[in-house]
């Protein structure tokens, strides 16, 4: 549990490898960052989920989006032929084709 003190929230570090009895874990709601003065870990909500739960960055984004009720659209990568077909439709398509070719 976290308690407000001086504009920040304080509590014991939640990371399992850092056992402590006094609060050294700080959350700054205004800056949306956390930091533990004991184990020196810090970051934002995405980094917290990556460290605490072992999530990848995309998994962290999906988890927080689900909590917030935000749908993340799923995109599939176009094949080289689909990208080429699109590039035949104009200059913006040509740019997208070049980008997709280099990323493939």
PDB file of N, CA and C in Angstrom:
ATOM      1  N   UNK A   1       0.841  -1.184   0.000  1.00  0.00           N
ATOM      2  CA  UNK A   1       0.000   0.000   0.000  1.00  0.00           C
ATOM      3  C   UNK A   1       0.887   1.248   0.000  1.00  0.00           C
ATOM      4  N   UNK A   2       0.370   2.291  -0.611  1.00  0.00           N
ATOM      5  CA  UNK A   2       1.113   3.547  -0.722  1.00  0.00           C
ATOM      6  C   UNK A   2       0.420   4.627   0.102  1.00  0.00           C
ATOM      7  N   UNK A   3       1.216   5.485   0.738  1.00  0.00           N
ATOM      8  CA  UNK A   3       0.682   6.592   1.524  1.00  0.00           C
ATOM      9  C   UNK A   3       1.220   7.902   0.963  1.00  0.00           C
ATOM     10  N   UNK A   4       0.339   8.905   0.917  1.00  0.00           N
ATOM     11  CA  UNK A   4       0.748  10.206   0.382  1.00  0.00           C
ATOM     12  C   UNK A   4       1.583  10.958   1.413  1.00  0.00           C
ATOM     13  N   UNK A   5       2.677  11.540   0.907  1.00  0.00           N
ATOM     14  CA  UNK A   5       3.561  12.331   1.758  1.00  0.00           C
ATOM     15  C   UNK A   5       4.342  13.283   0.857  1.00  0.00           C
ATOM     16  N   UNK A   6       4.140  14.573   1.025  1.00  0.00           N
ATOM     17  CA  UNK A   6       4.879  15.569   0.262  1.00  0.00           C
ATOM     18  C   UNK A   6       4.604  15.556  -1.231  1.00  0.00           C
ATOM     19  N   UNK A   7       3.389  15.261  -1.616  1.00  0.00           N
ATOM     20  CA  UNK A   7       3.035  15.267  -3.038  1.00  0.00           C
ATOM     21  C   UNK A   7       3.398  13.981  -3.772  1.00  0.00           C
ATOM     22  N   UNK A   8       3.981  13.027  -3.061  1.00  0.00           N
ATOM     23  CA  UNK A   8       4.327  11.723  -3.644  1.00  0.00           C
ATOM     24  C   UNK A   8       3.651  10.622  -2.843  1.00  0.00           C
ATOM     25  N   UNK A   9       3.641   9.445  -3.428  1.00  0.00           N
ATOM     26  CA  UNK A   9       3.129   8.272  -2.743  1.00  0.00           C
ATOM     27  C   UNK A   9       4.319   7.413  -2.340  1.00  0.00           C
ATOM     28  N   UNK A  10       4.303   6.918  -1.096  1.00  0.00           N
ATOM     29  CA  UNK A  10       5.438   6.157  -0.567  1.00  0.00           C
ATOM     30  C   UNK A  10       4.968   4.816  -0.033  1.00  0.00           C
ATOM     31  N   UNK A  11       5.840   3.823  -0.182  1.00  0.00           N
ATOM     32  CA  UNK A  11       5.565   2.504   0.359  1.00  0.00           C
ATOM     33  C   UNK A  11       6.809   1.640   0.281  1.00  0.00           C
ATOM     34  N   UNK A  12       6.674   0.409   0.753  1.00  0.00           N
ATOM     35  CA  UNK A  12       7.781  -0.539   0.650  1.00  0.00           C
ATOM     36  C   UNK A  12       7.903  -1.011  -0.791  1.00  0.00           C
ATOM     37  N   UNK A  13       9.098  -1.299  -1.188  1.00  0.00           N
ATOM     38  CA  UNK A  13       9.374  -1.724  -2.565  1.00  0.00           C
ATOM     39  C   UNK A  13       8.619  -3.021  -2.882  1.00  0.00           C
ATOM     40  N   UNK A  14       7.912  -3.070  -3.994  1.00  0.00           N
ATOM     41  CA  UNK A  14       7.130  -4.263  -4.332  1.00  0.00           C
ATOM     42  C   UNK A  14       7.946  -5.379  -4.996  1.00  0.00           C
ATOM     43  N   UNK A  15       9.175  -5.097  -5.380  1.00  0.00           N
ATOM     44  CA  UNK A  15       9.957  -6.098  -6.098  1.00  0.00           C
ATOM     45  C   UNK A  15      10.409  -7.195  -5.133  1.00  0.00           C
ATOM     46  N   UNK A  16      10.187  -8.458  -5.514  1.00  0.00           N
ATOM     47  CA  UNK A  16      10.425  -9.573  -4.588  1.00  0.00           C
ATOM     48  C   UNK A  16      11.872  -9.716  -4.116  1.00  0.00           C
ATOM     49  N   UNK A  17      12.832  -9.271  -4.902  1.00  0.00           N
ATOM     50  CA  UNK A  17      14.230  -9.425  -4.497  1.00  0.00           C
ATOM     51  C   UNK A  17      14.729  -8.267  -3.638  1.00  0.00           C
ATOM     52  N   UNK A  18      13.836  -7.359  -3.261  1.00  0.00           N
ATOM     53  CA  UNK A  18      14.212  -6.233  -2.407  1.00  0.00           C
ATOM     54  C   UNK A  18      13.308  -6.230  -1.174  1.00  0.00           C
ATOM     55  N   UNK A  19      13.744  -6.943  -0.157  1.00  0.00           N
ATOM     56  CA  UNK A  19      12.982  -7.012   1.091  1.00  0.00           C
ATOM     57  C   UNK A  19      13.391  -5.843   1.975  1.00  0.00           C
ATOM     58  N   UNK A  20      12.392  -5.074   2.388  1.00  0.00           N
ATOM     59  CA  UNK A  20      12.693  -3.920   3.240  1.00  0.00           C
ATOM     60  C   UNK A  20      11.579  -3.723   4.254  1.00  0.00           C
ATOM     61  N   UNK A  21      11.884  -2.987   5.290  1.00  0.00           N
ATOM     62  CA  UNK A  21      10.908  -2.717   6.339  1.00  0.00           C
ATOM     63  C   UNK A  21      10.463  -1.251   6.366  1.00  0.00           C
ATOM     64  N   UNK A  22      11.247  -0.374   5.749  1.00  0.00           N
ATOM     65  CA  UNK A  22      10.878   1.045   5.707  1.00  0.00           C
ATOM     66  C   UNK A  22      10.617   1.458   4.261  1.00  0.00           C
ATOM     67  N   UNK A  23       9.726   2.407   4.093  1.00  0.00           N
ATOM     68  CA  UNK A  23       9.311   2.845   2.763  1.00  0.00           C
ATOM     69  C   UNK A  23      10.441   3.563   2.029  1.00  0.00           C
ATOM     70  N   UNK A  24      10.820   3.011   0.893  1.00  0.00           N
ATOM     71  CA  UNK A  24      11.806   3.679   0.038  1.00  0.00           C
ATOM     72  C   UNK A  24      11.312   3.747  -1.406  1.00  0.00           C
ATOM     73  N   UNK A  25      10.110   3.233  -1.633  1.00  0.00           N
ATOM     74  CA  UNK A  25       9.519   3.210  -2.977  1.00  0.00           C
ATOM     75  C   UNK A  25       8.628   4.442  -3.122  1.00  0.00           C
ATOM     76  N   UNK A  26       8.925   5.256  -4.134  1.00  0.00           N
ATOM     77  CA  UNK A  26       8.229   6.525  -4.325  1.00  0.00           C
ATOM     78  C   UNK A  26       7.551   6.556  -5.686  1.00  0.00           C
ATOM     79  N   UNK A  27       6.312   7.042  -5.700  1.00  0.00           N
ATOM     80  CA  UNK A  27       5.576   7.229  -6.951  1.00  0.00           C
ATOM     81  C   UNK A  27       5.238   8.710  -7.061  1.00  0.00           C
ATOM     82  N   UNK A  28       5.613   9.306  -8.192  1.00  0.00           N
ATOM     83  CA  UNK A  28       5.291  10.703  -8.454  1.00  0.00           C
ATOM     84  C   UNK A  28       4.136  10.733  -9.449  1.00  0.00           C
ATOM     85  N   UNK A  29       2.899  10.942  -8.965  1.00  0.00           N
ATOM     86  CA  UNK A  29       1.747  10.916  -9.861  1.00  0.00           C
ATOM     87  C   UNK A  29       1.772  12.006 -10.942  1.00  0.00           C
ATOM     88  N   UNK A  30       2.334  13.164 -10.616  1.00  0.00           N
ATOM     89  CA  UNK A  30       2.380  14.257 -11.590  1.00  0.00           C
ATOM     90  C   UNK A  30       3.274  13.915 -12.779  1.00  0.00           C
ATOM     91  N   UNK A  31       4.393  13.294 -12.503  1.00  0.00           N
ATOM     92  CA  UNK A  31       5.339  12.933 -13.570  1.00  0.00           C
ATOM     93  C   UNK A  31       5.116  11.512 -14.081  1.00  0.00           C
ATOM     94  N   UNK A  32       4.235  10.776 -13.406  1.00  0.00           N
ATOM     95  CA  UNK A  32       3.895   9.395 -13.758  1.00  0.00           C
ATOM     96  C   UNK A  32       5.138   8.500 -13.772  1.00  0.00           C
ATOM     97  N   UNK A  33       5.939   8.620 -12.710  1.00  0.00           N
ATOM     98  CA  UNK A  33       7.164   7.845 -12.579  1.00  0.00           C
ATOM     99  C   UNK A  33       7.243   7.231 -11.187  1.00  0.00           C
ATOM    100  N   UNK A  34       7.992   6.131 -11.082  1.00  0.00           N
ATOM    101  CA  UNK A  34       8.277   5.534  -9.790  1.00  0.00           C
ATOM    102  C   UNK A  34       9.786   5.416  -9.622  1.00  0.00           C
ATOM    103  N   UNK A  35      10.220   5.339  -8.366  1.00  0.00           N
ATOM    104  CA  UNK A  35      11.640   5.129  -8.097  1.00  0.00           C
ATOM    105  C   UNK A  35      11.792   4.522  -6.702  1.00  0.00           C
ATOM    106  N   UNK A  36      12.654   3.522  -6.588  1.00  0.00           N
ATOM    107  CA  UNK A  36      12.979   2.938  -5.298  1.00  0.00           C
ATOM    108  C   UNK A  36      14.385   3.394  -4.927  1.00  0.00           C
ATOM    109  N   UNK A  37      14.482   4.087  -3.801  1.00  0.00           N
ATOM    110  CA  UNK A  37      15.774   4.590  -3.348  1.00  0.00           C
ATOM    111  C   UNK A  37      16.643   3.476  -2.767  1.00  0.00           C
ATOM    112  N   UNK A  38      16.046   2.325  -2.489  1.00  0.00           N
ATOM    113  CA  UNK A  38      16.807   1.203  -1.962  1.00  0.00           C
ATOM    114  C   UNK A  38      17.462   0.373  -3.065  1.00  0.00           C
ATOM    115  N   UNK A  39      16.665  -0.100  -4.019  1.00  0.00           N
ATOM    116  CA  UNK A  39      17.214  -0.973  -5.072  1.00  0.00           C
ATOM    117  C   UNK A  39      17.549  -0.213  -6.360  1.00  0.00           C
ATOM    118  N   UNK A  40      17.251   1.080  -6.379  1.00  0.00           N
ATOM    119  CA  UNK A  40      17.595   1.975  -7.497  1.00  0.00           C
ATOM    120  C   UNK A  40      16.837   1.671  -8.791  1.00  0.00           C
ATOM    121  N   UNK A  41      15.683   1.004  -8.691  1.00  0.00           N
ATOM    122  CA  UNK A  41      14.855   0.777  -9.874  1.00  0.00           C
ATOM    123  C   UNK A  41      13.888   1.941 -10.027  1.00  0.00           C
ATOM    124  N   UNK A  42      13.608   2.289 -11.277  1.00  0.00           N
ATOM    125  CA  UNK A  42      12.669   3.363 -11.529  1.00  0.00           C
ATOM    126  C   UNK A  42      12.195   3.342 -12.962  1.00  0.00           C
ATOM    127  N   UNK A  43      11.160   4.104 -13.233  1.00  0.00           N
ATOM    128  CA  UNK A  43      10.634   4.195 -14.591  1.00  0.00           C
ATOM    129  C   UNK A  43       9.174   4.591 -14.589  1.00  0.00           C
ATOM    130  N   UNK A  44       8.507   4.245 -15.689  1.00  0.00           N
ATOM    131  CA  UNK A  44       7.086   4.570 -15.832  1.00  0.00           C
ATOM    132  C   UNK A  44       6.251   3.294 -15.676  1.00  0.00           C
ATOM    133  N   UNK A  45       4.961   3.390 -15.929  1.00  0.00           N
ATOM    134  CA  UNK A  45       4.059   2.246 -15.752  1.00  0.00           C
ATOM    135  C   UNK A  45       4.440   1.082 -16.667  1.00  0.00           C
ATOM    136  N   UNK A  46       4.873   1.377 -17.888  1.00  0.00           N
ATOM    137  CA  UNK A  46       5.264   0.321 -18.823  1.00  0.00           C
ATOM    138  C   UNK A  46       6.491  -0.420 -18.282  1.00  0.00           C
ATOM    139  N   UNK A  47       7.469   0.348 -17.823  1.00  0.00           N
ATOM    140  CA  UNK A  47       8.698  -0.249 -17.297  1.00  0.00           C
ATOM    141  C   UNK A  47       8.407  -1.056 -16.034  1.00  0.00           C
ATOM    142  N   UNK A  48       7.497  -0.562 -15.196  1.00  0.00           N
ATOM    143  CA  UNK A  48       7.132  -1.283 -13.979  1.00  0.00           C
ATOM    144  C   UNK A  48       6.586  -2.665 -14.331  1.00  0.00           C
ATOM    145  N   UNK A  49       5.663  -2.726 -15.285  1.00  0.00           N
ATOM    146  CA  UNK A  49       5.078  -4.009 -15.676  1.00  0.00           C
ATOM    147  C   UNK A  49       6.121  -4.935 -16.297  1.00  0.00           C
ATOM    148  N   UNK A  50       7.050  -4.358 -17.030  1.00  0.00           N
ATOM    149  CA  UNK A  50       8.114  -5.166 -17.618  1.00  0.00           C
ATOM    150  C   UNK A  50       8.996  -5.767 -16.519  1.00  0.00           C
ATOM    151  N   UNK A  51       9.316  -4.967 -15.517  1.00  0.00           N
ATOM    152  CA  UNK A  51      10.192  -5.425 -14.441  1.00  0.00           C
ATOM    153  C   UNK A  51       9.464  -6.348 -13.467  1.00  0.00           C
ATOM    154  N   UNK A  52       8.290  -5.952 -13.029  1.00  0.00           N
ATOM    155  CA  UNK A  52       7.566  -6.693 -11.990  1.00  0.00           C
ATOM    156  C   UNK A  52       6.925  -7.968 -12.536  1.00  0.00           C
ATOM    157  N   UNK A  53       6.274  -7.880 -13.696  1.00  0.00           N
ATOM    158  CA  UNK A  53       5.554  -9.024 -14.262  1.00  0.00           C
ATOM    159  C   UNK A  53       6.316  -9.760 -15.348  1.00  0.00           C
ATOM    160  N   UNK A  54       7.433  -9.188 -15.792  1.00  0.00           N
ATOM    161  CA  UNK A  54       8.194  -9.823 -16.864  1.00  0.00           C
ATOM    162  C   UNK A  54       7.557  -9.643 -18.236  1.00  0.00           C
ATOM    163  N   UNK A  55       6.711  -8.628 -18.388  1.00  0.00           N
ATOM    164  CA  UNK A  55       6.056  -8.366 -19.671  1.00  0.00           C
ATOM    165  C   UNK A  55       7.049  -7.746 -20.651  1.00  0.00           C
ATOM    166  N   UNK A  56       6.790  -7.953 -21.931  1.00  0.00           N
ATOM    167  CA  UNK A  56       7.497  -7.206 -22.964  1.00  0.00           C
ATOM    168  C   UNK A  56       6.831  -5.834 -23.049  1.00  0.00           C
ATOM    169  N   UNK A  57       7.430  -4.905 -23.798  1.00  0.00           N
ATOM    170  CA  UNK A  57       6.810  -3.585 -23.929  1.00  0.00           C
ATOM    171  C   UNK A  57       5.429  -3.690 -24.579  1.00  0.00           C
ATOM    172  N   UNK A  58       5.273  -4.435 -25.695  1.00  0.00           N
ATOM    173  CA  UNK A  58       3.928  -4.551 -26.285  1.00  0.00           C
ATOM    174  C   UNK A  58       2.909  -5.177 -25.320  1.00  0.00           C
ATOM    175  N   UNK A  59       3.339  -6.158 -24.520  1.00  0.00           N
ATOM    176  CA  UNK A  59       2.429  -6.753 -23.542  1.00  0.00           C
ATOM    177  C   UNK A  59       2.015  -5.730 -22.496  1.00  0.00           C
ATOM    178  N   UNK A  60       2.939  -4.874 -22.091  1.00  0.00           N
ATOM    179  CA  UNK A  60       2.627  -3.815 -21.127  1.00  0.00           C
ATOM    180  C   UNK A  60       1.612  -2.843 -21.706  1.00  0.00           C
ATOM    181  N   UNK A  61       1.801  -2.476 -22.953  1.00  0.00           N
ATOM    182  CA  UNK A  61       0.867  -1.560 -23.622  1.00  0.00           C
ATOM    183  C   UNK A  61      -0.516  -2.193 -23.699  1.00  0.00           C
ATOM    184  N   UNK A  62      -0.576  -3.450 -24.112  1.00  0.00           N
ATOM    185  CA  UNK A  62      -1.866  -4.137 -24.226  1.00  0.00           C
ATOM    186  C   UNK A  62      -2.557  -4.257 -22.866  1.00  0.00           C
ATOM    187  N   UNK A  63      -1.799  -4.582 -21.824  1.00  0.00           N
ATOM    188  CA  UNK A  63      -2.359  -4.722 -20.485  1.00  0.00           C
ATOM    189  C   UNK A  63      -2.965  -3.401 -20.004  1.00  0.00           C
ATOM    190  N   UNK A  64      -2.215  -2.313 -20.122  1.00  0.00           N
ATOM    191  CA  UNK A  64      -2.699  -1.012 -19.659  1.00  0.00           C
ATOM    192  C   UNK A  64      -3.862  -0.506 -20.513  1.00  0.00           C
ATOM    193  N   UNK A  65      -3.807  -0.778 -21.810  1.00  0.00           N
ATOM    194  CA  UNK A  65      -4.914  -0.381 -22.690  1.00  0.00           C
ATOM    195  C   UNK A  65      -6.194  -1.103 -22.276  1.00  0.00           C
ATOM    196  N   UNK A  66      -6.071  -2.395 -21.973  1.00  0.00           N
ATOM    197  CA  UNK A  66      -7.243  -3.167 -21.547  1.00  0.00           C
ATOM    198  C   UNK A  66      -7.812  -2.605 -20.244  1.00  0.00           C
ATOM    199  N   UNK A  67      -6.935  -2.268 -19.288  1.00  0.00           N
ATOM    200  CA  UNK A  67      -7.402  -1.667 -18.032  1.00  0.00           C
ATOM    201  C   UNK A  67      -8.149  -0.357 -18.265  1.00  0.00           C
ATOM    202  N   UNK A  68      -7.672   0.415 -19.248  1.00  0.00           N
ATOM    203  CA  UNK A  68      -8.267   1.722 -19.536  1.00  0.00           C
ATOM    204  C   UNK A  68      -9.454   1.622 -20.491  1.00  0.00           C
ATOM    205  N   UNK A  69      -9.731   0.412 -20.993  1.00  0.00           N
ATOM    206  CA  UNK A  69     -10.836   0.237 -21.936  1.00  0.00           C
ATOM    207  C   UNK A  69     -10.534   0.763 -23.329  1.00  0.00           C
ATOM    208  N   UNK A  70      -9.258   0.765 -23.688  1.00  0.00           N
ATOM    209  CA  UNK A  70      -8.832   1.255 -24.999  1.00  0.00           C
ATOM    210  C   UNK A  70      -8.511   0.068 -25.882  1.00  0.00           C
ATOM    211  N   UNK A  71      -9.105   0.044 -27.069  1.00  0.00           N
ATOM    212  CA  UNK A  71      -8.836  -1.033 -28.010  1.00  0.00           C
ATOM    213  C   UNK A  71      -7.629  -0.676 -28.872  1.00  0.00           C
ATOM    214  N   UNK A  72      -6.701  -1.598 -28.960  1.00  0.00           N
ATOM    215  CA  UNK A  72      -5.526  -1.403 -29.803  1.00  0.00           C
ATOM    216  C   UNK A  72      -5.766  -2.156 -31.100  1.00  0.00           C
ATOM    217  N   UNK A  73      -5.809  -1.445 -32.236  1.00  0.00           N
ATOM    218  CA  UNK A  73      -6.051  -2.138 -33.509  1.00  0.00           C
ATOM    219  C   UNK A  73      -4.890  -3.055 -33.864  1.00  0.00           C
ATOM    220  N   UNK A  74      -5.220  -4.186 -34.431  1.00  0.00           N
ATOM    221  CA  UNK A  74      -4.211  -5.155 -34.858  1.00  0.00           C
ATOM    222  C   UNK A  74      -3.974  -4.960 -36.355  1.00  0.00           C
ATOM    223  N   UNK A  75      -2.723  -4.864 -36.730  1.00  0.00           N
ATOM    224  CA  UNK A  75      -2.352  -4.710 -38.129  1.00  0.00           C
ATOM    225  C   UNK A  75      -1.536  -5.915 -38.551  1.00  0.00           C
ATOM    226  N   UNK A  76      -1.776  -6.335 -39.761  1.00  0.00           N
ATOM    227  CA  UNK A  76      -0.923  -7.398 -40.275  1.00  0.00           C
ATOM    228  C   UNK A  76       0.013  -6.791 -41.307  1.00  0.00           C
ATOM    229  N   UNK A  77       1.168  -7.362 -41.422  1.00  0.00           N
ATOM    230  CA  UNK A  77       2.169  -6.868 -42.347  1.00  0.00           C
ATOM    231  C   UNK A  77       1.781  -7.244 -43.770  1.00  0.00           C
ATOM    232  N   UNK A  78       1.865  -6.281 -44.656  1.00  0.00           N
ATOM    233  CA  UNK A  78       1.551  -6.540 -46.059  1.00  0.00           C
ATOM    234  C   UNK A  78       2.669  -7.361 -46.696  1.00  0.00           C
ATOM    235  N   UNK A  79       2.276  -8.208 -47.639  1.00  0.00           N
ATOM    236  CA  UNK A  79       3.290  -8.935 -48.395  1.00  0.00           C
ATOM    237  C   UNK A  79       3.960  -7.956 -49.351  1.00  0.00           C
ATOM    238  N   UNK A  80       5.090  -8.334 -49.893  1.00  0.00           N
ATOM    239  CA  UNK A  80       5.793  -7.455 -50.839  1.00  0.00           C
ATOM    240  C   UNK A  80       4.909  -7.170 -52.056  1.00  0.00           C
ATOM    241  N   UNK A  81       4.138  -8.168 -52.498  1.00  0.00           N
ATOM    242  CA  UNK A  81       3.264  -7.959 -53.659  1.00  0.00           C
ATOM    243  C   UNK A  81       2.145  -6.975 -53.319  1.00  0.00           C
ATOM    244  N   UNK A  82       1.557  -7.097 -52.137  1.00  0.00           N
ATOM    245  CA  UNK A  82       0.503  -6.164 -51.731  1.00  0.00           C
ATOM    246  C   UNK A  82       1.064  -4.748 -51.635  1.00  0.00           C
ATOM    247  N   UNK A  83       2.255  -4.610 -51.102  1.00  0.00           N
ATOM    248  CA  UNK A  83       2.879  -3.291 -51.000  1.00  0.00           C
ATOM    249  C   UNK A  83       3.170  -2.725 -52.382  1.00  0.00           C
ATOM    250  N   UNK A  84       3.616  -3.579 -53.306  1.00  0.00           N
ATOM    251  CA  UNK A  84       3.897  -3.127 -54.673  1.00  0.00           C
ATOM    252  C   UNK A  84       2.606  -2.699 -55.363  1.00  0.00           C
ATOM    253  N   UNK A  85       1.540  -3.490 -55.198  1.00  0.00           N
ATOM    254  CA  UNK A  85       0.245  -3.128 -55.785  1.00  0.00           C
ATOM    255  C   UNK A  85      -0.219  -1.778 -55.271  1.00  0.00           C
ATOM    256  N   UNK A  86      -0.022  -1.525 -53.993  1.00  0.00           N
ATOM    257  CA  UNK A  86      -0.409  -0.252 -53.412  1.00  0.00           C
ATOM    258  C   UNK A  86       0.458   0.877 -53.960  1.00  0.00           C
ATOM    259  N   UNK A  87       1.733   0.589 -54.201  1.00  0.00           N
ATOM    260  CA  UNK A  87       2.641   1.624 -54.681  1.00  0.00           C
ATOM    261  C   UNK A  87       2.269   2.096 -56.076  1.00  0.00           C
ATOM    262  N   UNK A  88       1.583   1.258 -56.830  1.00  0.00           N
ATOM    263  CA  UNK A  88       1.166   1.637 -58.174  1.00  0.00           C
ATOM    264  C   UNK A  88       0.041   2.667 -58.155  1.00  0.00           C
ATOM    265  N   UNK A  89      -0.497   2.975 -56.988  1.00  0.00           N
ATOM    266  CA  UNK A  89      -1.641   3.884 -56.882  1.00  0.00           C
ATOM    267  C   UNK A  89      -1.245   5.341 -56.715  1.00  0.00           C
ATOM    268  N   UNK A  90       0.022   5.665 -56.607  1.00  0.00           N
ATOM    269  CA  UNK A  90       0.415   7.058 -56.475  1.00  0.00           C
ATOM    270  C   UNK A  90       1.679   7.240 -55.670  1.00  0.00           C
ATOM    271  N   UNK A  91       2.074   8.507 -55.512  1.00  0.00           N
ATOM    272  CA  UNK A  91       3.349   8.799 -54.859  1.00  0.00           C
ATOM    273  C   UNK A  91       3.369   8.411 -53.383  1.00  0.00           C
ATOM    274  N   UNK A  92       2.257   8.609 -52.670  1.00  0.00           N
ATOM    275  CA  UNK A  92       2.256   8.214 -51.264  1.00  0.00           C
ATOM    276  C   UNK A  92       2.365   6.699 -51.155  1.00  0.00           C
ATOM    277  N   UNK A  93       1.752   6.000 -52.071  1.00  0.00           N
ATOM    278  CA  UNK A  93       1.873   4.546 -52.096  1.00  0.00           C
ATOM    279  C   UNK A  93       3.293   4.118 -52.389  1.00  0.00           C
ATOM    280  N   UNK A  94       3.983   4.860 -53.234  1.00  0.00           N
ATOM    281  CA  UNK A  94       5.381   4.551 -53.558  1.00  0.00           C
ATOM    282  C   UNK A  94       6.254   4.672 -52.317  1.00  0.00           C
ATOM    283  N   UNK A  95       6.016   5.705 -51.532  1.00  0.00           N
ATOM    284  CA  UNK A  95       6.787   5.902 -50.313  1.00  0.00           C
ATOM    285  C   UNK A  95       6.530   4.740 -49.342  1.00  0.00           C
ATOM    286  N   UNK A  96       5.256   4.362 -49.182  1.00  0.00           N
ATOM    287  CA  UNK A  96       4.930   3.253 -48.294  1.00  0.00           C
ATOM    288  C   UNK A  96       5.541   1.950 -48.791  1.00  0.00           C
ATOM    289  N   UNK A  97       5.560   1.770 -50.108  1.00  0.00           N
ATOM    290  CA  UNK A  97       6.180   0.573 -50.675  1.00  0.00           C
ATOM    291  C   UNK A  97       7.661   0.540 -50.345  1.00  0.00           C
ATOM    292  N   UNK A  98       8.336   1.660 -50.501  1.00  0.00           N
ATOM    293  CA  UNK A  98       9.773   1.713 -50.203  1.00  0.00           C
ATOM    294  C   UNK A  98      10.042   1.421 -48.727  1.00  0.00           C
ATOM    295  N   UNK A  99       9.213   1.975 -47.852  1.00  0.00           N
ATOM    296  CA  UNK A  99       9.380   1.729 -46.426  1.00  0.00           C
ATOM    297  C   UNK A  99       9.155   0.251 -46.114  1.00  0.00           C
ATOM    298  N   UNK A 100       8.073  -0.314 -46.649  1.00  0.00           N
ATOM    299  CA  UNK A 100       7.764  -1.710 -46.345  1.00  0.00           C
ATOM    300  C   UNK A 100       8.812  -2.634 -46.917  1.00  0.00           C
ATOM    301  N   UNK A 101       9.388  -2.288 -48.054  1.00  0.00           N
ATOM    302  CA  UNK A 101      10.429  -3.125 -48.675  1.00  0.00           C
ATOM    303  C   UNK A 101      11.663  -3.168 -47.775  1.00  0.00           C
ATOM    304  N   UNK A 102      12.031  -2.021 -47.226  1.00  0.00           N
ATOM    305  CA  UNK A 102      13.218  -1.957 -46.378  1.00  0.00           C
ATOM    306  C   UNK A 102      13.009  -2.613 -45.019  1.00  0.00           C
ATOM    307  N   UNK A 103      11.761  -2.625 -44.554  1.00  0.00           N
ATOM    308  CA  UNK A 103      11.467  -3.236 -43.266  1.00  0.00           C
ATOM    309  C   UNK A 103      11.291  -4.751 -43.362  1.00  0.00           C
ATOM    310  N   UNK A 104      10.983  -5.230 -44.545  1.00  0.00           N
ATOM    311  CA  UNK A 104      10.708  -6.670 -44.714  1.00  0.00           C
ATOM    312  C   UNK A 104      11.973  -7.495 -44.648  1.00  0.00           C
TER     313      UNK A 104
END
